[in-house]
Amino acid sequence: MNFYLSTPKKKRHQSPIGKPDLDNLEKPLWDAMQGVFFQDDAQIIEKTITKVYSDNPRVEVFLYECGDTE
């Protein structure tokens, strides 16, 4: 999951180390995907999440199915 945030006019750092927090960005997406891509977010076993500045703000989500489908 990659969050590309609008670059502020006066950025203090190269990376968006301030708000919004990553957990506040990702939680609504996991909730929205529940029941569509997976039954419960407890099924998620690994995640990589980034937050960067971009001139093209967007969110990218990549889902992969693991081999164990019990």
PDB file of N, CA and C in Angstrom:
ATOM      1  N   MET A   1       0.863  -1.158   0.000  1.00  0.00           N
ATOM      2  CA  MET A   1       0.000   0.000   0.000  1.00  0.00           C
ATOM      3  C   MET A   1       0.911   1.222   0.000  1.00  0.00           C
ATOM      4  N   ASN A   2       0.737   2.070  -0.991  1.00  0.00           N
ATOM      5  CA  ASN A   2       1.550   3.274  -1.115  1.00  0.00           C
ATOM      6  C   ASN A   2       0.646   4.496  -1.109  1.00  0.00           C
ATOM      7  N   PHE A   3       0.953   5.442  -0.236  1.00  0.00           N
ATOM      8  CA  PHE A   3       0.226   6.693  -0.158  1.00  0.00           C
ATOM      9  C   PHE A   3       1.110   7.797  -0.733  1.00  0.00           C
ATOM     10  N   TYR A   4       0.645   8.419  -1.791  1.00  0.00           N
ATOM     11  CA  TYR A   4       1.349   9.528  -2.414  1.00  0.00           C
ATOM     12  C   TYR A   4       0.603  10.800  -2.040  1.00  0.00           C
ATOM     13  N   LEU A   5       1.193  11.573  -1.154  1.00  0.00           N
ATOM     14  CA  LEU A   5       0.550  12.773  -0.621  1.00  0.00           C
ATOM     15  C   LEU A   5       0.954  14.009  -1.406  1.00  0.00           C
ATOM     16  N   SER A   6       0.071  14.983  -1.464  1.00  0.00           N
ATOM     17  CA  SER A   6       0.384  16.247  -2.127  1.00  0.00           C
ATOM     18  C   SER A   6       1.603  16.881  -1.479  1.00  0.00           C
ATOM     19  N   THR A   7       2.476  17.385  -2.309  1.00  0.00           N
ATOM     20  CA  THR A   7       3.660  18.064  -1.805  1.00  0.00           C
ATOM     21  C   THR A   7       3.246  19.444  -1.306  1.00  0.00           C
ATOM     22  N   PRO A   8       3.514  19.742  -0.023  1.00  0.00           N
ATOM     23  CA  PRO A   8       3.135  21.064   0.492  1.00  0.00           C
ATOM     24  C   PRO A   8       3.962  22.170  -0.158  1.00  0.00           C
ATOM     25  N   LYS A   9       3.418  23.377  -0.200  1.00  0.00           N
ATOM     26  CA  LYS A   9       4.133  24.507  -0.807  1.00  0.00           C
ATOM     27  C   LYS A   9       5.454  24.763  -0.088  1.00  0.00           C
ATOM     28  N   LYS A  10       5.407  24.668   1.247  1.00  0.00           N
ATOM     29  CA  LYS A  10       6.630  24.848   2.044  1.00  0.00           C
ATOM     30  C   LYS A  10       6.909  23.555   2.792  1.00  0.00           C
ATOM     31  N   LYS A  11       7.605  22.639   2.161  1.00  0.00           N
ATOM     32  CA  LYS A  11       7.887  21.387   2.858  1.00  0.00           C
ATOM     33  C   LYS A  11       9.143  21.536   3.704  1.00  0.00           C
ATOM     34  N   ARG A  12       9.077  20.983   4.890  1.00  0.00           N
ATOM     35  CA  ARG A  12      10.178  21.079   5.849  1.00  0.00           C
ATOM     36  C   ARG A  12      11.169  19.940   5.695  1.00  0.00           C
ATOM     37  N   HIS A  13      10.692  18.808   5.180  1.00  0.00           N
ATOM     38  CA  HIS A  13      11.524  17.619   5.053  1.00  0.00           C
ATOM     39  C   HIS A  13      11.321  17.005   3.671  1.00  0.00           C
ATOM     40  N   GLN A  14      12.260  16.188   3.240  1.00  0.00           N
ATOM     41  CA  GLN A  14      12.130  15.465   1.973  1.00  0.00           C
ATOM     42  C   GLN A  14      10.989  14.466   2.031  1.00  0.00           C
ATOM     43  N   SER A  15      10.802  13.844   3.189  1.00  0.00           N
ATOM     44  CA  SER A  15       9.770  12.828   3.381  1.00  0.00           C
ATOM     45  C   SER A  15       8.678  13.367   4.297  1.00  0.00           C
ATOM     46  N   PRO A  16       7.441  12.874   4.133  1.00  0.00           N
ATOM     47  CA  PRO A  16       6.327  13.345   4.986  1.00  0.00           C
ATOM     48  C   PRO A  16       6.347  12.673   6.360  1.00  0.00           C
ATOM     49  N   ILE A  17       7.218  13.184   7.237  1.00  0.00           N
ATOM     50  CA  ILE A  17       7.381  12.529   8.540  1.00  0.00           C
ATOM     51  C   ILE A  17       6.337  12.985   9.559  1.00  0.00           C
ATOM     52  N   GLY A  18       5.470  13.899   9.177  1.00  0.00           N
ATOM     53  CA  GLY A  18       4.433  14.380  10.088  1.00  0.00           C
ATOM     54  C   GLY A  18       3.091  13.723   9.821  1.00  0.00           C
ATOM     55  N   LYS A  19       2.056  14.414  10.174  1.00  0.00           N
ATOM     56  CA  LYS A  19       0.698  13.910   9.992  1.00  0.00           C
ATOM     57  C   LYS A  19       0.317  13.970   8.524  1.00  0.00           C
ATOM     58  N   PRO A  20      -0.548  13.123   8.046  1.00  0.00           N
ATOM     59  CA  PRO A  20      -1.296  12.104   8.787  1.00  0.00           C
ATOM     60  C   PRO A  20      -0.449  10.868   9.070  1.00  0.00           C
ATOM     61  N   ASP A  21      -0.763  10.217  10.185  1.00  0.00           N
ATOM     62  CA  ASP A  21      -0.067   8.994  10.564  1.00  0.00           C
ATOM     63  C   ASP A  21      -0.433   7.877   9.586  1.00  0.00           C
ATOM     64  N   LEU A  22       0.522   6.978   9.343  1.00  0.00           N
ATOM     65  CA  LEU A  22       0.257   5.853   8.444  1.00  0.00           C
ATOM     66  C   LEU A  22      -0.924   5.009   8.895  1.00  0.00           C
ATOM     67  N   ASP A  23      -1.029   4.743  10.196  1.00  0.00           N
ATOM     68  CA  ASP A  23      -2.132   3.891  10.664  1.00  0.00           C
ATOM     69  C   ASP A  23      -3.485   4.550  10.425  1.00  0.00           C
ATOM     70  N   ASN A  24      -3.532   5.902  10.462  1.00  0.00           N
ATOM     71  CA  ASN A  24      -4.785   6.598  10.177  1.00  0.00           C
ATOM     72  C   ASN A  24      -5.121   6.584   8.692  1.00  0.00           C
ATOM     73  N   LEU A  25      -4.124   6.465   7.840  1.00  0.00           N
ATOM     74  CA  LEU A  25      -4.349   6.372   6.402  1.00  0.00           C
ATOM     75  C   LEU A  25      -4.797   4.976   5.992  1.00  0.00           C
ATOM     76  N   GLU A  26      -4.158   3.959   6.565  1.00  0.00           N
ATOM     77  CA  GLU A  26      -4.419   2.591   6.106  1.00  0.00           C
ATOM     78  C   GLU A  26      -5.705   1.973   6.651  1.00  0.00           C
ATOM     79  N   LYS A  27      -6.101   2.280   7.854  1.00  0.00           N
ATOM     80  CA  LYS A  27      -7.249   1.629   8.489  1.00  0.00           C
ATOM     81  C   LYS A  27      -8.539   1.738   7.668  1.00  0.00           C
ATOM     82  N   PRO A  28      -8.907   2.922   7.156  1.00  0.00           N
ATOM     83  CA  PRO A  28     -10.139   2.990   6.359  1.00  0.00           C
ATOM     84  C   PRO A  28     -10.086   2.119   5.101  1.00  0.00           C
ATOM     85  N   LEU A  29      -8.905   1.971   4.520  1.00  0.00           N
ATOM     86  CA  LEU A  29      -8.796   1.133   3.331  1.00  0.00           C
ATOM     87  C   LEU A  29      -8.978  -0.339   3.666  1.00  0.00           C
ATOM     88  N   TRP A  30      -8.359  -0.791   4.760  1.00  0.00           N
ATOM     89  CA  TRP A  30      -8.551  -2.192   5.174  1.00  0.00           C
ATOM     90  C   TRP A  30     -10.029  -2.444   5.463  1.00  0.00           C
ATOM     91  N   ASP A  31     -10.675  -1.514   6.140  1.00  0.00           N
ATOM     92  CA  ASP A  31     -12.104  -1.660   6.449  1.00  0.00           C
ATOM     93  C   ASP A  31     -12.943  -1.716   5.176  1.00  0.00           C
ATOM     94  N   ALA A  32     -12.616  -0.879   4.191  1.00  0.00           N
ATOM     95  CA  ALA A  32     -13.371  -0.856   2.937  1.00  0.00           C
ATOM     96  C   ALA A  32     -13.179  -2.130   2.122  1.00  0.00           C
ATOM     97  N   MET A  33     -12.010  -2.741   2.222  1.00  0.00           N
ATOM     98  CA  MET A  33     -11.718  -3.953   1.445  1.00  0.00           C
ATOM     99  C   MET A  33     -12.273  -5.216   2.105  1.00  0.00           C
ATOM    100  N   GLN A  34     -12.582  -5.107   3.403  1.00  0.00           N
ATOM    101  CA  GLN A  34     -13.117  -6.269   4.117  1.00  0.00           C
ATOM    102  C   GLN A  34     -14.456  -6.682   3.522  1.00  0.00           C
ATOM    103  N   GLY A  35     -14.609  -7.967   3.283  1.00  0.00           N
ATOM    104  CA  GLY A  35     -15.825  -8.494   2.686  1.00  0.00           C
ATOM    105  C   GLY A  35     -15.809  -8.449   1.167  1.00  0.00           C
ATOM    106  N   VAL A  36     -14.825  -7.753   0.597  1.00  0.00           N
ATOM    107  CA  VAL A  36     -14.679  -7.678  -0.851  1.00  0.00           C
ATOM    108  C   VAL A  36     -13.474  -8.505  -1.295  1.00  0.00           C
ATOM    109  N   PHE A  37     -12.306  -8.199  -0.713  1.00  0.00           N
ATOM    110  CA  PHE A  37     -11.073  -8.898  -1.074  1.00  0.00           C
ATOM    111  C   PHE A  37     -10.697  -9.976  -0.073  1.00  0.00           C
ATOM    112  N   PHE A  38     -11.186  -9.864   1.137  1.00  0.00           N
ATOM    113  CA  PHE A  38     -10.947 -10.859   2.187  1.00  0.00           C
ATOM    114  C   PHE A  38     -12.104 -10.768   3.164  1.00  0.00           C
ATOM    115  N   GLN A  39     -12.315 -11.847   3.925  1.00  0.00           N
ATOM    116  CA  GLN A  39     -13.447 -11.860   4.866  1.00  0.00           C
ATOM    117  C   GLN A  39     -13.178 -11.018   6.102  1.00  0.00           C
ATOM    118  N   ASP A  40     -11.948 -11.061   6.580  1.00  0.00           N
ATOM    119  CA  ASP A  40     -11.607 -10.343   7.797  1.00  0.00           C
ATOM    120  C   ASP A  40     -10.167  -9.874   7.681  1.00  0.00           C
ATOM    121  N   ASP A  41      -9.863  -8.669   8.151  1.00  0.00           N
ATOM    122  CA  ASP A  41      -8.492  -8.186   8.033  1.00  0.00           C
ATOM    123  C   ASP A  41      -7.514  -8.961   8.924  1.00  0.00           C
ATOM    124  N   ALA A  42      -8.020  -9.848   9.758  1.00  0.00           N
ATOM    125  CA  ALA A  42      -7.146 -10.746  10.519  1.00  0.00           C
ATOM    126  C   ALA A  42      -6.431 -11.725   9.587  1.00  0.00           C
ATOM    127  N   GLN A  43      -6.919 -11.865   8.357  1.00  0.00           N
ATOM    128  CA  GLN A  43      -6.287 -12.753   7.379  1.00  0.00           C
ATOM    129  C   GLN A  43      -5.011 -12.150   6.791  1.00  0.00           C
ATOM    130  N   ILE A  44      -4.785 -10.883   7.002  1.00  0.00           N
ATOM    131  CA  ILE A  44      -3.578 -10.231   6.472  1.00  0.00           C
ATOM    132  C   ILE A  44      -2.385 -10.691   7.297  1.00  0.00           C
ATOM    133  N   ILE A  45      -1.389 -11.253   6.618  1.00  0.00           N
ATOM    134  CA  ILE A  45      -0.230 -11.785   7.331  1.00  0.00           C
ATOM    135  C   ILE A  45       1.034 -10.974   7.113  1.00  0.00           C
ATOM    136  N   GLU A  46       1.019 -10.103   6.122  1.00  0.00           N
ATOM    137  CA  GLU A  46       2.200  -9.277   5.855  1.00  0.00           C
ATOM    138  C   GLU A  46       1.744  -8.017   5.138  1.00  0.00           C
ATOM    139  N   LYS A  47       2.372  -6.892   5.471  1.00  0.00           N
ATOM    140  CA  LYS A  47       2.033  -5.666   4.772  1.00  0.00           C
ATOM    141  C   LYS A  47       3.237  -4.733   4.723  1.00  0.00           C
ATOM    142  N   THR A  48       3.298  -3.980   3.646  1.00  0.00           N
ATOM    143  CA  THR A  48       4.308  -2.954   3.470  1.00  0.00           C
ATOM    144  C   THR A  48       3.566  -1.681   3.101  1.00  0.00           C
ATOM    145  N   ILE A  49       3.808  -0.631   3.848  1.00  0.00           N
ATOM    146  CA  ILE A  49       3.072   0.608   3.657  1.00  0.00           C
ATOM    147  C   ILE A  49       4.070   1.764   3.602  1.00  0.00           C
ATOM    148  N   THR A  50       3.912   2.618   2.592  1.00  0.00           N
ATOM    149  CA  THR A  50       4.789   3.771   2.463  1.00  0.00           C
ATOM    150  C   THR A  50       3.965   5.040   2.330  1.00  0.00           C
ATOM    151  N   LYS A  51       4.609   6.147   2.679  1.00  0.00           N
ATOM    152  CA  LYS A  51       3.988   7.463   2.590  1.00  0.00           C
ATOM    153  C   LYS A  51       5.053   8.390   2.012  1.00  0.00           C
ATOM    154  N   VAL A  52       4.789   8.954   0.829  1.00  0.00           N
ATOM    155  CA  VAL A  52       5.752   9.831   0.176  1.00  0.00           C
ATOM    156  C   VAL A  52       5.032  11.036  -0.414  1.00  0.00           C
ATOM    157  N   TYR A  53       5.798  12.089  -0.695  1.00  0.00           N
ATOM    158  CA  TYR A  53       5.258  13.247  -1.384  1.00  0.00           C
ATOM    159  C   TYR A  53       5.223  12.972  -2.884  1.00  0.00           C
ATOM    160  N   SER A  54       4.240  13.570  -3.553  1.00  0.00           N
ATOM    161  CA  SER A  54       4.132  13.394  -4.994  1.00  0.00           C
ATOM    162  C   SER A  54       3.358  14.560  -5.606  1.00  0.00           C
ATOM    163  N   ASP A  55       3.670  14.860  -6.863  1.00  0.00           N
ATOM    164  CA  ASP A  55       2.887  15.841  -7.604  1.00  0.00           C
ATOM    165  C   ASP A  55       1.609  15.210  -8.139  1.00  0.00           C
ATOM    166  N   ASN A  56       1.499  13.892  -8.009  1.00  0.00           N
ATOM    167  CA  ASN A  56       0.330  13.136  -8.461  1.00  0.00           C
ATOM    168  C   ASN A  56      -0.220  12.346  -7.266  1.00  0.00           C
ATOM    169  N   PRO A  57      -0.975  13.006  -6.347  1.00  0.00           N
ATOM    170  CA  PRO A  57      -1.473  12.325  -5.147  1.00  0.00           C
ATOM    171  C   PRO A  57      -2.379  11.151  -5.516  1.00  0.00           C
ATOM    172  N   ARG A  58      -2.188  10.030  -4.816  1.00  0.00           N
ATOM    173  CA  ARG A  58      -2.972   8.827  -5.079  1.00  0.00           C
ATOM    174  C   ARG A  58      -2.662   7.787  -4.021  1.00  0.00           C
ATOM    175  N   VAL A  59      -3.422   6.710  -4.077  1.00  0.00           N
ATOM    176  CA  VAL A  59      -3.158   5.546  -3.229  1.00  0.00           C
ATOM    177  C   VAL A  59      -3.052   4.341  -4.149  1.00  0.00           C
ATOM    178  N   GLU A  60      -2.032   3.529  -3.948  1.00  0.00           N
ATOM    179  CA  GLU A  60      -1.868   2.288  -4.693  1.00  0.00           C
ATOM    180  C   GLU A  60      -1.955   1.134  -3.703  1.00  0.00           C
ATOM    181  N   VAL A  61      -2.751   0.139  -4.045  1.00  0.00           N
ATOM    182  CA  VAL A  61      -2.903  -1.033  -3.186  1.00  0.00           C
ATOM    183  C   VAL A  61      -2.592  -2.270  -4.019  1.00  0.00           C
ATOM    184  N   PHE A  62      -1.724  -3.111  -3.502  1.00  0.00           N
ATOM    185  CA  PHE A  62      -1.365  -4.362  -4.148  1.00  0.00           C
ATOM    186  C   PHE A  62      -1.711  -5.499  -3.192  1.00  0.00           C
ATOM    187  N   LEU A  63      -2.544  -6.424  -3.638  1.00  0.00           N
ATOM    188  CA  LEU A  63      -2.929  -7.569  -2.820  1.00  0.00           C
ATOM    189  C   LEU A  63      -2.398  -8.841  -3.461  1.00  0.00           C
ATOM    190  N   TYR A  64      -1.845  -9.711  -2.631  1.00  0.00           N
ATOM    191  CA  TYR A  64      -1.335 -10.988  -3.087  1.00  0.00           C
ATOM    192  C   TYR A  64      -1.937 -12.098  -2.250  1.00  0.00           C
ATOM    193  N   GLU A  65      -2.317 -13.156  -2.881  1.00  0.00           N
ATOM    194  CA  GLU A  65      -2.867 -14.312  -2.159  1.00  0.00           C
ATOM    195  C   GLU A  65      -1.728 -15.258  -1.812  1.00  0.00           C
ATOM    196  N   CYS A  66      -1.722 -15.722  -0.563  1.00  0.00           N
ATOM    197  CA  CYS A  66      -0.705 -16.692  -0.178  1.00  0.00           C
ATOM    198  C   CYS A  66      -1.197 -18.083  -0.538  1.00  0.00           C
ATOM    199  N   GLY A  67      -0.314 -19.055  -0.531  1.00  0.00           N
ATOM    200  CA  GLY A  67      -0.663 -20.407  -0.932  1.00  0.00           C
ATOM    201  C   GLY A  67      -1.568 -21.127   0.049  1.00  0.00           C
ATOM    202  N   ASP A  68      -1.549 -20.751   1.309  1.00  0.00           N
ATOM    203  CA  ASP A  68      -2.342 -21.430   2.342  1.00  0.00           C
ATOM    204  C   ASP A  68      -3.740 -20.809   2.382  1.00  0.00           C
ATOM    205  N   THR A  69      -4.740 -21.532   1.914  1.00  0.00           N
ATOM    206  CA  THR A  69      -6.104 -20.981   1.847  1.00  0.00           C
ATOM    207  C   THR A  69      -7.071 -21.699   2.784  1.00  0.00           C
ATOM    208  N   GLU A  70      -6.586 -22.103   3.943  1.00  0.00           N
ATOM    209  CA  GLU A  70      -7.461 -22.789   4.904  1.00  0.00           C
ATOM    210  C   GLU A  70      -8.524 -21.872   5.442  1.00  0.00           C
TER     211      GLU A  70
END
